[in-house]
């Protein structure tokens, strides 16, 4: 875990991120204080 403080974290988050694997691309936000990842978009290039 990168953010060990979780709900007590007070800094800025990493913002919008994109991850690509083969034909799949995910766009997501990391909600550090809510301890979750919110998927914004899923794209399949197939």
Protein backbone atom coordinates (compact mmCIF):
# COMPACT_ATOMS: atom_id res chain seq x y z
CA UNK A 1 0.00 0.00 0.00
CA UNK A 2 1.45 3.35 -1.01
CA UNK A 3 -0.77 5.51 1.25
CA UNK A 4 -0.56 3.95 4.70
CA UNK A 5 -2.55 6.73 6.43
CA UNK A 6 -5.73 6.00 4.45
CA UNK A 7 -8.59 8.12 5.82
CA UNK A 8 -6.13 10.33 7.75
CA UNK A 9 -4.15 11.26 4.61
CA UNK A 10 -4.08 15.05 4.06
CA UNK A 11 -1.94 15.50 0.91
CA UNK A 12 -3.03 15.61 -2.71
CA UNK A 13 -3.87 12.38 -4.48
CA UNK A 14 -2.24 11.09 -7.65
CA UNK A 15 -5.11 12.35 -9.86
CA UNK A 16 -6.48 10.70 -12.97
CA UNK A 17 -4.42 7.69 -14.07
CA UNK A 18 -4.46 5.36 -17.07
CA UNK A 19 -3.35 1.73 -17.22
CA UNK A 20 -3.04 -0.25 -20.46
CA UNK A 21 -2.66 -4.02 -20.79
CA UNK A 22 -2.87 -5.54 -24.25
CA UNK A 23 -6.25 -4.59 -25.75
CA UNK A 24 -7.62 -3.15 -22.47
CA UNK A 25 -7.25 0.43 -21.17
CA UNK A 26 -8.59 1.62 -17.79
CA UNK A 27 -8.88 5.22 -16.64
CA UNK A 28 -9.30 5.59 -12.88
CA UNK A 29 -8.99 7.82 -9.82
CA UNK A 30 -7.46 6.73 -6.53
CA UNK A 31 -9.58 7.95 -3.60
CA UNK A 32 -7.03 7.77 -0.80
CA UNK A 33 -9.26 9.01 2.01
CA UNK A 34 -12.09 6.69 0.94
CA UNK A 35 -9.57 3.84 0.49
CA UNK A 36 -10.93 2.87 -2.94
CA UNK A 37 -10.29 3.10 -6.66
CA UNK A 38 -13.00 4.65 -8.84
CA UNK A 39 -13.01 3.39 -12.44
CA UNK A 40 -13.94 6.20 -14.81
CA UNK A 41 -13.63 4.53 -18.22
CA UNK A 42 -12.98 1.06 -19.65
CA UNK A 43 -11.88 0.81 -23.30
CA UNK A 44 -11.41 -2.42 -25.26
CA UNK A 45 -9.35 -2.22 -28.45
CA UNK A 46 -10.29 -5.51 -30.02
